[in-house]
mmCIF file of all heavy atoms, coordinates in Angstrom:
data_MODEL
# 
_entry.id   MODEL 
# 
loop_
_atom_site.group_PDB 
_atom_site.id 
_atom_site.type_symbol 
_atom_site.label_atom_id 
_atom_site.label_alt_id 
_atom_site.label_comp_id 
_atom_site.label_asym_id 
_atom_site.label_entity_id 
_atom_site.label_seq_id 
_atom_site.pdbx_PDB_ins_code 
_atom_site.Cartn_x 
_atom_site.Cartn_y 
_atom_site.Cartn_z 
_atom_site.occupancy 
_atom_site.B_iso_or_equiv 
_atom_site.pdbx_formal_charge 
_atom_site.auth_seq_id 
_atom_site.auth_comp_id 
_atom_site.auth_asym_id 
_atom_site.auth_atom_id 
_atom_site.pdbx_PDB_model_num 
ATOM 1   N N   . HIS A 1 1  ? 0.836   -1.221 -0.078  1.00 0.00 ? 1  HIS A N   1 
ATOM 2   C CA  . HIS A 1 1  ? 0.022   0.020  0.029   1.00 0.00 ? 1  HIS A CA  1 
ATOM 3   C C   . HIS A 1 1  ? 0.960   1.266  0.067   1.00 0.00 ? 1  HIS A C   1 
ATOM 4   O O   . HIS A 1 1  ? 1.225   1.897  1.013   1.00 0.00 ? 1  HIS A O   1 
ATOM 5   C CB  . HIS A 1 1  ? -0.895  0.016  1.220   1.00 0.00 ? 1  HIS A CB  1 
ATOM 6   C CG  . HIS A 1 1  ? -2.028  -0.928 1.097   1.00 0.00 ? 1  HIS A CG  1 
ATOM 7   N ND1 . HIS A 1 1  ? -3.222  -0.620 0.443   1.00 0.00 ? 1  HIS A ND1 1 
ATOM 8   C CD2 . HIS A 1 1  ? -2.100  -2.173 1.685   1.00 0.00 ? 1  HIS A CD2 1 
ATOM 9   C CE1 . HIS A 1 1  ? -4.015  -1.776 0.594   1.00 0.00 ? 1  HIS A CE1 1 
ATOM 10  N NE2 . HIS A 1 1  ? -3.493  -2.690 1.308   1.00 0.00 ? 1  HIS A NE2 1 
ATOM 11  N N   . PRO A 1 2  ? 1.335   1.580  -1.182  1.00 0.00 ? 2  PRO A N   1 
ATOM 12  C CA  . PRO A 1 2  ? 2.216   2.765  -1.169  1.00 0.00 ? 2  PRO A CA  1 
ATOM 13  C C   . PRO A 1 2  ? 1.581   4.077  -0.722  1.00 0.00 ? 2  PRO A C   1 
ATOM 14  O O   . PRO A 1 2  ? 2.339   5.032  -0.317  1.00 0.00 ? 2  PRO A O   1 
ATOM 15  C CB  . PRO A 1 2  ? 2.603   2.910  -2.702  1.00 0.00 ? 2  PRO A CB  1 
ATOM 16  C CG  . PRO A 1 2  ? 2.509   1.478  -3.195  1.00 0.00 ? 2  PRO A CG  1 
ATOM 17  C CD  . PRO A 1 2  ? 1.250   0.907  -2.430  1.00 0.00 ? 2  PRO A CD  1 
ATOM 18  N N   . GLU A 1 3  ? 0.204   4.043  -0.793  1.00 0.00 ? 3  GLU A N   1 
ATOM 19  C CA  . GLU A 1 3  ? -0.445  5.305  -0.251  1.00 0.00 ? 3  GLU A CA  1 
ATOM 20  C C   . GLU A 1 3  ? -0.475  5.246  1.233   1.00 0.00 ? 3  GLU A C   1 
ATOM 21  O O   . GLU A 1 3  ? -0.887  6.362  1.834   1.00 0.00 ? 3  GLU A O   1 
ATOM 22  C CB  . GLU A 1 3  ? -1.949  5.194  -0.754  1.00 0.00 ? 3  GLU A CB  1 
ATOM 23  C CG  . GLU A 1 3  ? -2.905  4.269  -0.089  1.00 0.00 ? 3  GLU A CG  1 
ATOM 24  C CD  . GLU A 1 3  ? -2.724  2.721  -0.628  1.00 0.00 ? 3  GLU A CD  1 
ATOM 25  O OE1 . GLU A 1 3  ? -1.923  2.611  -1.627  1.00 0.00 ? 3  GLU A OE1 1 
ATOM 26  O OE2 . GLU A 1 3  ? -3.250  1.856  -0.126  1.00 0.00 ? 3  GLU A OE2 1 
ATOM 27  N N   . ILE A 1 4  ? -0.095  4.254  1.898   1.00 0.00 ? 4  ILE A N   1 
ATOM 28  C CA  . ILE A 1 4  ? 0.153   4.127  3.327   1.00 0.00 ? 4  ILE A CA  1 
ATOM 29  C C   . ILE A 1 4  ? -1.143  4.242  4.174   1.00 0.00 ? 4  ILE A C   1 
ATOM 30  O O   . ILE A 1 4  ? -1.567  3.343  4.880   1.00 0.00 ? 4  ILE A O   1 
ATOM 31  C CB  . ILE A 1 4  ? 1.051   5.234  3.942   1.00 0.00 ? 4  ILE A CB  1 
ATOM 32  C CG1 . ILE A 1 4  ? 2.414   5.112  3.056   1.00 0.00 ? 4  ILE A CG1 1 
ATOM 33  C CG2 . ILE A 1 4  ? 1.360   5.021  5.406   1.00 0.00 ? 4  ILE A CG2 1 
ATOM 34  C CD1 . ILE A 1 4  ? 3.273   3.880  3.336   1.00 0.00 ? 4  ILE A CD1 1 
ATOM 35  N N   . ASP A 1 5  ? -1.925  5.450  4.118   1.00 0.00 ? 5  ASP A N   1 
ATOM 36  C CA  . ASP A 1 5  ? -3.071  5.598  4.991   1.00 0.00 ? 5  ASP A CA  1 
ATOM 37  C C   . ASP A 1 5  ? -4.207  4.768  4.462   1.00 0.00 ? 5  ASP A C   1 
ATOM 38  O O   . ASP A 1 5  ? -4.736  4.852  3.430   1.00 0.00 ? 5  ASP A O   1 
ATOM 39  C CB  . ASP A 1 5  ? -3.361  7.145  4.824   1.00 0.00 ? 5  ASP A CB  1 
ATOM 40  C CG  . ASP A 1 5  ? -4.400  7.653  5.768   1.00 0.00 ? 5  ASP A CG  1 
ATOM 41  O OD1 . ASP A 1 5  ? -5.449  7.136  5.703   1.00 0.00 ? 5  ASP A OD1 1 
ATOM 42  O OD2 . ASP A 1 5  ? -3.990  8.455  6.588   1.00 0.00 ? 5  ASP A OD2 1 
ATOM 43  N N   . THR A 1 6  ? -4.766  4.150  5.558   1.00 0.00 ? 6  THR A N   1 
ATOM 44  C CA  . THR A 1 6  ? -5.904  3.195  5.256   1.00 0.00 ? 6  THR A CA  1 
ATOM 45  C C   . THR A 1 6  ? -7.133  3.882  4.722   1.00 0.00 ? 6  THR A C   1 
ATOM 46  O O   . THR A 1 6  ? -7.808  3.529  3.901   1.00 0.00 ? 6  THR A O   1 
ATOM 47  C CB  . THR A 1 6  ? -6.264  2.411  6.537   1.00 0.00 ? 6  THR A CB  1 
ATOM 48  O OG1 . THR A 1 6  ? -5.137  1.671  6.950   1.00 0.00 ? 6  THR A OG1 1 
ATOM 49  C CG2 . THR A 1 6  ? -7.464  1.386  6.245   1.00 0.00 ? 6  THR A CG2 1 
ATOM 50  N N   . GLY A 1 7  ? -7.407  5.193  5.370   1.00 0.00 ? 7  GLY A N   1 
ATOM 51  C CA  . GLY A 1 7  ? -8.521  5.892  4.792   1.00 0.00 ? 7  GLY A CA  1 
ATOM 52  C C   . GLY A 1 7  ? -8.415  6.344  3.375   1.00 0.00 ? 7  GLY A C   1 
ATOM 53  O O   . GLY A 1 7  ? -9.315  6.293  2.648   1.00 0.00 ? 7  GLY A O   1 
ATOM 54  N N   . VAL A 1 8  ? -7.107  6.719  3.013   1.00 0.00 ? 8  VAL A N   1 
ATOM 55  C CA  . VAL A 1 8  ? -6.969  7.102  1.623   1.00 0.00 ? 8  VAL A CA  1 
ATOM 56  C C   . VAL A 1 8  ? -7.215  5.960  0.632   1.00 0.00 ? 8  VAL A C   1 
ATOM 57  O O   . VAL A 1 8  ? -7.811  5.944  -0.372  1.00 0.00 ? 8  VAL A O   1 
ATOM 58  C CB  . VAL A 1 8  ? -5.429  7.644  1.403   1.00 0.00 ? 8  VAL A CB  1 
ATOM 59  C CG1 . VAL A 1 8  ? -5.156  7.742  -0.040  1.00 0.00 ? 8  VAL A CG1 1 
ATOM 60  C CG2 . VAL A 1 8  ? -5.275  8.846  2.239   1.00 0.00 ? 8  VAL A CG2 1 
ATOM 61  N N   . HIS A 1 9  ? -6.681  4.688  1.152   1.00 0.00 ? 9  HIS A N   1 
ATOM 62  C CA  . HIS A 1 9  ? -6.742  3.514  0.347   1.00 0.00 ? 9  HIS A CA  1 
ATOM 63  C C   . HIS A 1 9  ? -8.267  3.229  0.112   1.00 0.00 ? 9  HIS A C   1 
ATOM 64  O O   . HIS A 1 9  ? -8.683  2.849  -0.970  1.00 0.00 ? 9  HIS A O   1 
ATOM 65  C CB  . HIS A 1 9  ? -6.202  2.317  1.157   1.00 0.00 ? 9  HIS A CB  1 
ATOM 66  C CG  . HIS A 1 9  ? -6.703  0.922  0.757   1.00 0.00 ? 9  HIS A CG  1 
ATOM 67  N ND1 . HIS A 1 9  ? -6.774  0.435  -0.573  1.00 0.00 ? 9  HIS A ND1 1 
ATOM 68  C CD2 . HIS A 1 9  ? -7.354  0.065  1.513   1.00 0.00 ? 9  HIS A CD2 1 
ATOM 69  C CE1 . HIS A 1 9  ? -7.398  -0.710 -0.590  1.00 0.00 ? 9  HIS A CE1 1 
ATOM 70  N NE2 . HIS A 1 9  ? -7.708  -1.034 0.617   1.00 0.00 ? 9  HIS A NE2 1 
ATOM 71  N N   . VAL A 1 10 ? -9.076  3.200  1.203   1.00 0.00 ? 10 VAL A N   1 
ATOM 72  C CA  . VAL A 1 10 ? -10.493 2.875  1.111   1.00 0.00 ? 10 VAL A CA  1 
ATOM 73  C C   . VAL A 1 10 ? -11.242 3.959  0.059   1.00 0.00 ? 10 VAL A C   1 
ATOM 74  O O   . VAL A 1 10 ? -12.078 3.486  -0.759  1.00 0.00 ? 10 VAL A O   1 
ATOM 75  C CB  . VAL A 1 10 ? -11.199 2.933  2.378   1.00 0.00 ? 10 VAL A CB  1 
ATOM 76  C CG1 . VAL A 1 10 ? -12.703 2.849  2.316   1.00 0.00 ? 10 VAL A CG1 1 
ATOM 77  C CG2 . VAL A 1 10 ? -10.656 1.671  3.210   1.00 0.00 ? 10 VAL A CG2 1 
ATOM 78  N N   . MET A 1 11 ? -10.870 5.163  0.027   1.00 0.00 ? 11 MET A N   1 
ATOM 79  C CA  . MET A 1 11 ? -11.575 6.056  -0.749  1.00 0.00 ? 11 MET A CA  1 
ATOM 80  C C   . MET A 1 11 ? -11.133 5.885  -2.158  1.00 0.00 ? 11 MET A C   1 
ATOM 81  O O   . MET A 1 11 ? -11.883 6.022  -3.150  1.00 0.00 ? 11 MET A O   1 
ATOM 82  C CB  . MET A 1 11 ? -11.157 7.576  -0.278  1.00 0.00 ? 11 MET A CB  1 
ATOM 83  C CG  . MET A 1 11 ? -11.779 8.004  0.924   1.00 0.00 ? 11 MET A CG  1 
ATOM 84  S SD  . MET A 1 11 ? -13.601 7.950  0.904   1.00 0.00 ? 11 MET A SD  1 
ATOM 85  C CE  . MET A 1 11 ? -13.928 6.570  2.129   1.00 0.00 ? 11 MET A CE  1 
ATOM 86  N N   . MET A 1 12 ? -9.808  5.517  -2.401  1.00 0.00 ? 12 MET A N   1 
ATOM 87  C CA  . MET A 1 12 ? -9.352  5.158  -3.753  1.00 0.00 ? 12 MET A CA  1 
ATOM 88  C C   . MET A 1 12 ? -10.150 4.081  -4.293  1.00 0.00 ? 12 MET A C   1 
ATOM 89  O O   . MET A 1 12 ? -10.487 3.975  -5.465  1.00 0.00 ? 12 MET A O   1 
ATOM 90  C CB  . MET A 1 12 ? -7.848  4.892  -3.717  1.00 0.00 ? 12 MET A CB  1 
ATOM 91  C CG  . MET A 1 12 ? -7.007  6.128  -3.541  1.00 0.00 ? 12 MET A CG  1 
ATOM 92  S SD  . MET A 1 12 ? -5.165  5.674  -3.398  1.00 0.00 ? 12 MET A SD  1 
ATOM 93  C CE  . MET A 1 12 ? -4.862  5.143  -5.092  1.00 0.00 ? 12 MET A CE  1 
ATOM 94  N N   . ALA A 1 13 ? -10.240 2.910  -3.401  1.00 0.00 ? 13 ALA A N   1 
ATOM 95  C CA  . ALA A 1 13 ? -11.090 1.788  -3.884  1.00 0.00 ? 13 ALA A CA  1 
ATOM 96  C C   . ALA A 1 13 ? -12.490 2.144  -4.218  1.00 0.00 ? 13 ALA A C   1 
ATOM 97  O O   . ALA A 1 13 ? -13.102 1.626  -5.140  1.00 0.00 ? 13 ALA A O   1 
ATOM 98  C CB  . ALA A 1 13 ? -10.960 0.689  -2.863  1.00 0.00 ? 13 ALA A CB  1 
ATOM 99  N N   . LEU A 1 14 ? -13.078 3.020  -3.440  1.00 0.00 ? 14 LEU A N   1 
ATOM 100 C CA  . LEU A 1 14 ? -14.488 3.407  -3.569  1.00 0.00 ? 14 LEU A CA  1 
ATOM 101 C C   . LEU A 1 14 ? -14.573 4.153  -4.859  1.00 0.00 ? 14 LEU A C   1 
ATOM 102 O O   . LEU A 1 14 ? -15.651 3.892  -5.619  1.00 0.00 ? 14 LEU A O   1 
ATOM 103 C CB  . LEU A 1 14 ? -14.941 4.247  -2.391  1.00 0.00 ? 14 LEU A CB  1 
ATOM 104 C CG  . LEU A 1 14 ? -16.342 4.641  -2.404  1.00 0.00 ? 14 LEU A CG  1 
ATOM 105 C CD1 . LEU A 1 14 ? -17.202 3.468  -2.477  1.00 0.00 ? 14 LEU A CD1 1 
ATOM 106 C CD2 . LEU A 1 14 ? -16.559 5.505  -1.079  1.00 0.00 ? 14 LEU A CD2 1 
ATOM 107 N N   . ASP A 1 15 ? -13.690 5.037  -5.127  1.00 0.00 ? 15 ASP A N   1 
ATOM 108 C CA  . ASP A 1 15 ? -13.842 5.751  -6.438  1.00 0.00 ? 15 ASP A CA  1 
ATOM 109 C C   . ASP A 1 15 ? -13.535 4.882  -7.595  1.00 0.00 ? 15 ASP A C   1 
ATOM 110 O O   . ASP A 1 15 ? -14.247 5.128  -8.771  1.00 0.00 ? 15 ASP A O   1 
ATOM 111 C CB  . ASP A 1 15 ? -12.844 6.964  -6.404  1.00 0.00 ? 15 ASP A CB  1 
ATOM 112 C CG  . ASP A 1 15 ? -13.239 8.094  -5.643  1.00 0.00 ? 15 ASP A CG  1 
ATOM 113 O OD1 . ASP A 1 15 ? -14.427 8.196  -5.184  1.00 0.00 ? 15 ASP A OD1 1 
ATOM 114 O OD2 . ASP A 1 15 ? -12.204 8.966  -5.327  1.00 0.00 ? 15 ASP A OD2 1 
ATOM 115 N N   . ASP A 1 16 ? -12.685 3.771  -7.502  1.00 0.00 ? 16 ASP A N   1 
ATOM 116 C CA  . ASP A 1 16 ? -12.634 2.910  -8.508  1.00 0.00 ? 16 ASP A CA  1 
ATOM 117 C C   . ASP A 1 16 ? -13.893 2.213  -8.762  1.00 0.00 ? 16 ASP A C   1 
ATOM 118 O O   . ASP A 1 16 ? -14.320 1.990  -9.942  1.00 0.00 ? 16 ASP A O   1 
ATOM 119 C CB  . ASP A 1 16 ? -11.546 1.874  -8.243  1.00 0.00 ? 16 ASP A CB  1 
ATOM 120 C CG  . ASP A 1 16 ? -11.257 0.861  -9.252  1.00 0.00 ? 16 ASP A CG  1 
ATOM 121 O OD1 . ASP A 1 16 ? -10.448 1.146  -10.335 1.00 0.00 ? 16 ASP A OD1 1 
ATOM 122 O OD2 . ASP A 1 16 ? -11.811 -0.233 -9.333  1.00 0.00 ? 16 ASP A OD2 1 
ATOM 123 N N   . ALA A 1 17 ? -14.635 1.801  -7.712  1.00 0.00 ? 17 ALA A N   1 
ATOM 124 C CA  . ALA A 1 17 ? -15.804 1.073  -7.858  1.00 0.00 ? 17 ALA A CA  1 
ATOM 125 C C   . ALA A 1 17 ? -16.911 1.955  -8.516  1.00 0.00 ? 17 ALA A C   1 
ATOM 126 O O   . ALA A 1 17 ? -17.659 1.590  -9.298  1.00 0.00 ? 17 ALA A O   1 
ATOM 127 C CB  . ALA A 1 17 ? -16.347 0.694  -6.481  1.00 0.00 ? 17 ALA A CB  1 
ATOM 128 N N   . ALA A 1 18 ? -16.882 3.200  -8.332  1.00 0.00 ? 18 ALA A N   1 
ATOM 129 C CA  . ALA A 1 18 ? -17.789 4.190  -8.967  1.00 0.00 ? 18 ALA A CA  1 
ATOM 130 C C   . ALA A 1 18 ? -17.386 4.318  -10.369 1.00 0.00 ? 18 ALA A C   1 
ATOM 131 O O   . ALA A 1 18 ? -18.401 4.467  -11.231 1.00 0.00 ? 18 ALA A O   1 
ATOM 132 C CB  . ALA A 1 18 ? -17.760 5.593  -8.153  1.00 0.00 ? 18 ALA A CB  1 
ATOM 133 N N   . ALA A 1 19 ? -16.156 4.467  -10.709 1.00 0.00 ? 19 ALA A N   1 
ATOM 134 C CA  . ALA A 1 19 ? -15.724 4.687  -12.055 1.00 0.00 ? 19 ALA A CA  1 
ATOM 135 C C   . ALA A 1 19 ? -16.206 3.402  -12.924 1.00 0.00 ? 19 ALA A C   1 
ATOM 136 O O   . ALA A 1 19 ? -16.521 3.631  -14.197 1.00 0.00 ? 19 ALA A O   1 
ATOM 137 C CB  . ALA A 1 19 ? -14.183 4.868  -12.150 1.00 0.00 ? 19 ALA A CB  1 
ATOM 138 N N   . CYS A 1 20 ? -16.310 2.256  -12.368 1.00 0.00 ? 20 CYS A N   1 
ATOM 139 C CA  . CYS A 1 20 ? -16.615 0.990  -12.990 1.00 0.00 ? 20 CYS A CA  1 
ATOM 140 C C   . CYS A 1 20 ? -18.131 0.870  -13.099 1.00 0.00 ? 20 CYS A C   1 
ATOM 141 O O   . CYS A 1 20 ? -18.700 -0.054 -13.720 1.00 0.00 ? 20 CYS A O   1 
ATOM 142 C CB  . CYS A 1 20 ? -16.003 -0.187 -12.328 1.00 0.00 ? 20 CYS A CB  1 
ATOM 143 S SG  . CYS A 1 20 ? -14.194 -0.337 -12.499 1.00 0.00 ? 20 CYS A SG  1 
ATOM 144 N N   . GLY A 1 21 ? -18.869 1.684  -12.400 1.00 0.00 ? 21 GLY A N   1 
ATOM 145 C CA  . GLY A 1 21 ? -20.294 1.688  -12.441 1.00 0.00 ? 21 GLY A CA  1 
ATOM 146 C C   . GLY A 1 21 ? -20.826 0.565  -11.620 1.00 0.00 ? 21 GLY A C   1 
ATOM 147 O O   . GLY A 1 21 ? -22.109 0.168  -11.901 1.00 0.00 ? 21 GLY A O   1 
ATOM 148 N N   . TYR A 1 22 ? -20.204 0.095  -10.607 1.00 0.00 ? 22 TYR A N   1 
ATOM 149 C CA  . TYR A 1 22 ? -20.746 -0.875 -9.656  1.00 0.00 ? 22 TYR A CA  1 
ATOM 150 C C   . TYR A 1 22 ? -22.021 -0.591 -9.009  1.00 0.00 ? 22 TYR A C   1 
ATOM 151 O O   . TYR A 1 22 ? -22.195 0.633  -8.767  1.00 0.00 ? 22 TYR A O   1 
ATOM 152 C CB  . TYR A 1 22 ? -19.709 -1.487 -8.817  1.00 0.00 ? 22 TYR A CB  1 
ATOM 153 C CG  . TYR A 1 22 ? -18.486 -2.103 -9.527  1.00 0.00 ? 22 TYR A CG  1 
ATOM 154 C CD1 . TYR A 1 22 ? -17.144 -2.268 -8.861  1.00 0.00 ? 22 TYR A CD1 1 
ATOM 155 C CD2 . TYR A 1 22 ? -18.498 -2.674 -10.859 1.00 0.00 ? 22 TYR A CD2 1 
ATOM 156 C CE1 . TYR A 1 22 ? -16.160 -2.702 -9.555  1.00 0.00 ? 22 TYR A CE1 1 
ATOM 157 C CE2 . TYR A 1 22 ? -17.520 -3.220 -11.452 1.00 0.00 ? 22 TYR A CE2 1 
ATOM 158 C CZ  . TYR A 1 22 ? -16.348 -3.375 -10.616 1.00 0.00 ? 22 TYR A CZ  1 
ATOM 159 O OH  . TYR A 1 22 ? -15.316 -3.877 -11.400 1.00 0.00 ? 22 TYR A OH  1 
ATOM 160 N N   . ALA A 1 23 ? -22.710 -1.572 -8.502  1.00 0.00 ? 23 ALA A N   1 
ATOM 161 C CA  . ALA A 1 23 ? -23.991 -1.323 -7.949  1.00 0.00 ? 23 ALA A CA  1 
ATOM 162 C C   . ALA A 1 23 ? -23.647 -0.852 -6.418  1.00 0.00 ? 23 ALA A C   1 
ATOM 163 O O   . ALA A 1 23 ? -22.676 -0.895 -5.903  1.00 0.00 ? 23 ALA A O   1 
ATOM 164 C CB  . ALA A 1 23 ? -24.727 -2.718 -7.859  1.00 0.00 ? 23 ALA A CB  1 
ATOM 165 N N   . LEU A 1 24 ? -24.776 -0.285 -5.721  1.00 0.00 ? 24 LEU A N   1 
ATOM 166 C CA  . LEU A 1 24 ? -24.641 0.178  -4.408  1.00 0.00 ? 24 LEU A CA  1 
ATOM 167 C C   . LEU A 1 24 ? -24.147 -0.856 -3.539  1.00 0.00 ? 24 LEU A C   1 
ATOM 168 O O   . LEU A 1 24 ? -23.361 -0.636 -2.610  1.00 0.00 ? 24 LEU A O   1 
ATOM 169 C CB  . LEU A 1 24 ? -26.025 0.671  -4.068  1.00 0.00 ? 24 LEU A CB  1 
ATOM 170 C CG  . LEU A 1 24 ? -26.195 1.094  -2.485  1.00 0.00 ? 24 LEU A CG  1 
ATOM 171 C CD1 . LEU A 1 24 ? -25.296 2.272  -2.178  1.00 0.00 ? 24 LEU A CD1 1 
ATOM 172 C CD2 . LEU A 1 24 ? -27.633 1.371  -2.134  1.00 0.00 ? 24 LEU A CD2 1 
ATOM 173 N N   . THR A 1 25 ? -24.655 -2.073 -3.664  1.00 0.00 ? 25 THR A N   1 
ATOM 174 C CA  . THR A 1 25 ? -24.167 -3.181 -2.769  1.00 0.00 ? 25 THR A CA  1 
ATOM 175 C C   . THR A 1 25 ? -22.630 -3.366 -2.917  1.00 0.00 ? 25 THR A C   1 
ATOM 176 O O   . THR A 1 25 ? -22.055 -3.511 -1.741  1.00 0.00 ? 25 THR A O   1 
ATOM 177 C CB  . THR A 1 25 ? -24.789 -4.528 -3.299  1.00 0.00 ? 25 THR A CB  1 
ATOM 178 O OG1 . THR A 1 25 ? -24.672 -4.595 -4.703  1.00 0.00 ? 25 THR A OG1 1 
ATOM 179 C CG2 . THR A 1 25 ? -26.284 -4.535 -2.861  1.00 0.00 ? 25 THR A CG2 1 
ATOM 180 N N   . VAL A 1 26 ? -22.215 -3.275 -4.024  1.00 0.00 ? 26 VAL A N   1 
ATOM 181 C CA  . VAL A 1 26 ? -20.589 -3.362 -4.170  1.00 0.00 ? 26 VAL A CA  1 
ATOM 182 C C   . VAL A 1 26 ? -19.916 -2.087 -3.623  1.00 0.00 ? 26 VAL A C   1 
ATOM 183 O O   . VAL A 1 26 ? -18.942 -2.281 -2.747  1.00 0.00 ? 26 VAL A O   1 
ATOM 184 C CB  . VAL A 1 26 ? -20.191 -3.552 -5.654  1.00 0.00 ? 26 VAL A CB  1 
ATOM 185 C CG1 . VAL A 1 26 ? -18.686 -3.590 -5.737  1.00 0.00 ? 26 VAL A CG1 1 
ATOM 186 C CG2 . VAL A 1 26 ? -20.954 -4.738 -6.274  1.00 0.00 ? 26 VAL A CG2 1 
# 
């Protein structure tokens, strides 16, 4: 995790899920 901060990681993953158009459940 080169971004180090766990909160930053979760937000990066969340934005990736949004960019992919995933459902609310995901």
